[in-house]
Every structure is written in structure tokens, then in C-alpha cells.
Amino acid sequence: MRKYELMTIYPLEEDKYKAGLENVKNVLSQFGAEIQSEEPYGDRDLCYEVKKHKKGRFLLLNITVNPAKIVEIDRQFKLNADLLKFLFVRVED
């Protein structure tokens, strides 16, 4: 199990944000990832338009997961319409 930071960006609409976050948490638990902490970064302007959105709600998740599962988690996240962008960054111990 390795530690990762997962930065996620959701639409500003409350229902889409909650649906997207719930989907992300379900996918992570499905692949055995453990969420250590959540840090909301608030609503911010995007540098460029993403899926016709100019603003997004940012959330940083600190997780631990088996590195072999990252590819499958990435594939599942791409199918989530309520998740604008995401990025996994490995945290050194």
C-alpha cells in the first residue's frame, strides 16, 4: 500500500458535487483504497474550460492504495460525468 494525494475537481452545482464525490468514494472503496483525510479547497476559477465549466469545486483526498489498482481506478474515474478532473500524486514516506 502506498500513499497518494488525489486532487479532484467537481462542478459547482451541489447535486452534481455530491453525486461525483459519492461515486469517487465508492470506486476507491471498491478497489480497497483507504481515505486518510479530505481537504476542501473551495470554489475556484479554472485556467481553461473543462466540459463547458469555467469554475470548479476542488477537493484533496489523502489515500492509501495498492499501486496496481491505480490504473483501474483511473479508468473508472474517466467514466464519472460529475468529475471534471483528477490527478494522483505519489507521496514519499
C-alpha atoms as a PDB file:
ATOM      1  CA  MET A   1       0.000   0.000   0.000  1.00  0.00           C
ATOM      2  CA  ARG A   2       1.322   3.422  -0.968  1.00  0.00           C
ATOM      3  CA  LYS A   3       0.221   6.899  -0.031  1.00  0.00           C
ATOM      4  CA  TYR A   4      -1.218   9.193  -2.699  1.00  0.00           C
ATOM      5  CA  GLU A   5      -2.742  12.635  -2.874  1.00  0.00           C
ATOM      6  CA  LEU A   6      -5.806  12.705  -5.113  1.00  0.00           C
ATOM      7  CA  MET A   7      -6.861  16.179  -6.275  1.00  0.00           C
ATOM      8  CA  THR A   8     -10.390  16.195  -7.664  1.00  0.00           C
ATOM      9  CA  ILE A   9     -12.436  18.941  -9.322  1.00  0.00           C
ATOM     10  CA  TYR A  10     -16.239  18.818  -9.408  1.00  0.00           C
ATOM     11  CA  PRO A  11     -18.940  21.068 -10.893  1.00  0.00           C
ATOM     12  CA  LEU A  12     -20.247  23.846  -8.620  1.00  0.00           C
ATOM     13  CA  GLU A  13     -23.837  22.548  -8.586  1.00  0.00           C
ATOM     14  CA  GLU A  14     -24.439  20.939  -5.177  1.00  0.00           C
ATOM     15  CA  ASP A  15     -26.239  17.856  -6.527  1.00  0.00           C
ATOM     16  CA  LYS A  16     -23.507  17.143  -9.103  1.00  0.00           C
ATOM     17  CA  TYR A  17     -20.804  17.716  -6.480  1.00  0.00           C
ATOM     18  CA  LYS A  18     -22.377  15.274  -4.041  1.00  0.00           C
ATOM     19  CA  ALA A  19     -23.019  12.676  -6.756  1.00  0.00           C
ATOM     20  CA  GLY A  20     -19.461  12.962  -8.052  1.00  0.00           C
ATOM     21  CA  LEU A  21     -17.923  12.724  -4.585  1.00  0.00           C
ATOM     22  CA  GLU A  22     -20.072   9.741  -3.665  1.00  0.00           C
ATOM     23  CA  ASN A  23     -19.055   7.989  -6.885  1.00  0.00           C
ATOM     24  CA  VAL A  24     -15.345   8.690  -6.208  1.00  0.00           C
ATOM     25  CA  LYS A  25     -15.615   7.287  -2.670  1.00  0.00           C
ATOM     26  CA  ASN A  26     -17.466   4.193  -3.934  1.00  0.00           C
ATOM     27  CA  VAL A  27     -14.817   3.494  -6.585  1.00  0.00           C
ATOM     28  CA  LEU A  28     -12.000   3.962  -4.076  1.00  0.00           C
ATOM     29  CA  SER A  29     -13.590   1.590  -1.552  1.00  0.00           C
ATOM     30  CA  GLN A  30     -14.363  -0.917  -4.328  1.00  0.00           C
ATOM     31  CA  PHE A  31     -10.631  -1.162  -5.112  1.00  0.00           C
ATOM     32  CA  GLY A  32      -9.521  -1.320  -1.476  1.00  0.00           C
ATOM     33  CA  ALA A  33      -8.306   2.264  -1.070  1.00  0.00           C
ATOM     34  CA  GLU A  34      -8.484   3.907   2.338  1.00  0.00           C
ATOM     35  CA  ILE A  35      -9.231   7.629   2.616  1.00  0.00           C
ATOM     36  CA  GLN A  36      -6.974   9.135   5.277  1.00  0.00           C
ATOM     37  CA  SER A  37      -8.233  12.728   5.073  1.00  0.00           C
ATOM     38  CA  GLU A  38     -10.250  15.185   2.980  1.00  0.00           C
ATOM     39  CA  GLU A  39      -9.272  18.832   2.494  1.00  0.00           C
ATOM     40  CA  PRO A  40     -11.757  21.077   0.676  1.00  0.00           C
ATOM     41  CA  TYR A  41     -10.029  23.823  -1.314  1.00  0.00           C
ATOM     42  CA  GLY A  42     -13.263  25.629  -2.155  1.00  0.00           C
ATOM     43  CA  ASP A  43     -14.590  27.009  -5.420  1.00  0.00           C
ATOM     44  CA  ARG A  44     -12.004  28.335  -7.859  1.00  0.00           C
ATOM     45  CA  ASP A  45     -11.709  29.543 -11.422  1.00  0.00           C
ATOM     46  CA  LEU A  46     -10.311  27.043 -13.898  1.00  0.00           C
ATOM     47  CA  CYS A  47      -7.438  28.072 -16.183  1.00  0.00           C
ATOM     48  CA  TYR A  48      -9.389  26.796 -19.181  1.00  0.00           C
ATOM     49  CA  GLU A  49     -12.886  25.498 -19.796  1.00  0.00           C
ATOM     50  CA  VAL A  50     -13.414  21.867 -18.817  1.00  0.00           C
ATOM     51  CA  LYS A  51     -16.601  20.176 -20.015  1.00  0.00           C
ATOM     52  CA  LYS A  52     -18.143  23.656 -20.502  1.00  0.00           C
ATOM     53  CA  HIS A  53     -17.367  24.697 -16.893  1.00  0.00           C
ATOM     54  CA  LYS A  54     -15.314  27.798 -16.064  1.00  0.00           C
ATOM     55  CA  LYS A  55     -15.296  27.209 -12.285  1.00  0.00           C
ATOM     56  CA  GLY A  56     -14.928  24.098 -10.184  1.00  0.00           C
ATOM     57  CA  ARG A  57     -15.048  22.843  -6.610  1.00  0.00           C
ATOM     58  CA  PHE A  58     -11.669  21.447  -5.553  1.00  0.00           C
ATOM     59  CA  LEU A  59     -11.155  18.658  -3.004  1.00  0.00           C
ATOM     60  CA  LEU A  60      -7.882  16.992  -1.961  1.00  0.00           C
ATOM     61  CA  LEU A  61      -8.060  13.398  -0.720  1.00  0.00           C
ATOM     62  CA  ASN A  62      -5.125  11.687   1.002  1.00  0.00           C
ATOM     63  CA  ILE A  63      -5.436   7.957   0.331  1.00  0.00           C
ATOM     64  CA  THR A  64      -3.528   4.699   0.659  1.00  0.00           C
ATOM     65  CA  VAL A  65      -3.978   2.128  -2.075  1.00  0.00           C
ATOM     66  CA  ASN A  66      -2.214  -0.736  -3.815  1.00  0.00           C
ATOM     67  CA  PRO A  67      -0.275   0.799  -6.768  1.00  0.00           C
ATOM     68  CA  ALA A  68      -1.507  -1.941  -9.111  1.00  0.00           C
ATOM     69  CA  LYS A  69      -5.098  -0.697  -8.649  1.00  0.00           C
ATOM     70  CA  ILE A  70      -4.401   2.910  -9.794  1.00  0.00           C
ATOM     71  CA  VAL A  71      -4.914   2.083 -13.491  1.00  0.00           C
ATOM     72  CA  GLU A  72      -8.360   0.596 -12.864  1.00  0.00           C
ATOM     73  CA  ILE A  73      -9.367   3.446 -10.550  1.00  0.00           C
ATOM     74  CA  ASP A  74      -8.252   5.921 -13.235  1.00  0.00           C
ATOM     75  CA  ARG A  75     -10.400   4.128 -15.828  1.00  0.00           C
ATOM     76  CA  GLN A  76     -13.466   4.220 -13.552  1.00  0.00           C
ATOM     77  CA  PHE A  77     -12.966   7.930 -12.796  1.00  0.00           C
ATOM     78  CA  LYS A  78     -12.950   8.727 -16.529  1.00  0.00           C
ATOM     79  CA  LEU A  79     -16.473   7.270 -16.742  1.00  0.00           C
ATOM     80  CA  ASN A  80     -17.765   9.591 -13.975  1.00  0.00           C
ATOM     81  CA  ALA A  81     -19.572  12.521 -15.659  1.00  0.00           C
ATOM     82  CA  ASP A  82     -19.701  14.511 -12.392  1.00  0.00           C
ATOM     83  CA  LEU A  83     -15.907  14.555 -12.006  1.00  0.00           C
ATOM     84  CA  LEU A  84     -14.298  17.271 -14.129  1.00  0.00           C
ATOM     85  CA  LYS A  85     -10.613  16.489 -13.484  1.00  0.00           C
ATOM     86  CA  PHE A  86      -8.464  14.403 -11.154  1.00  0.00           C
ATOM     87  CA  LEU A  87      -4.782  13.804 -10.512  1.00  0.00           C
ATOM     88  CA  PHE A  88      -2.948  11.161  -8.484  1.00  0.00           C
ATOM     89  CA  VAL A  89       0.375  12.194  -6.919  1.00  0.00           C
ATOM     90  CA  ARG A  90       2.514   9.684  -5.025  1.00  0.00           C
ATOM     91  CA  VAL A  91       3.594  10.875  -1.576  1.00  0.00           C
ATOM     92  CA  GLU A  92       7.100   9.905  -0.477  1.00  0.00           C
ATOM     93  CA  ASP A  93       7.340   8.442   3.023  1.00  0.00           C
END
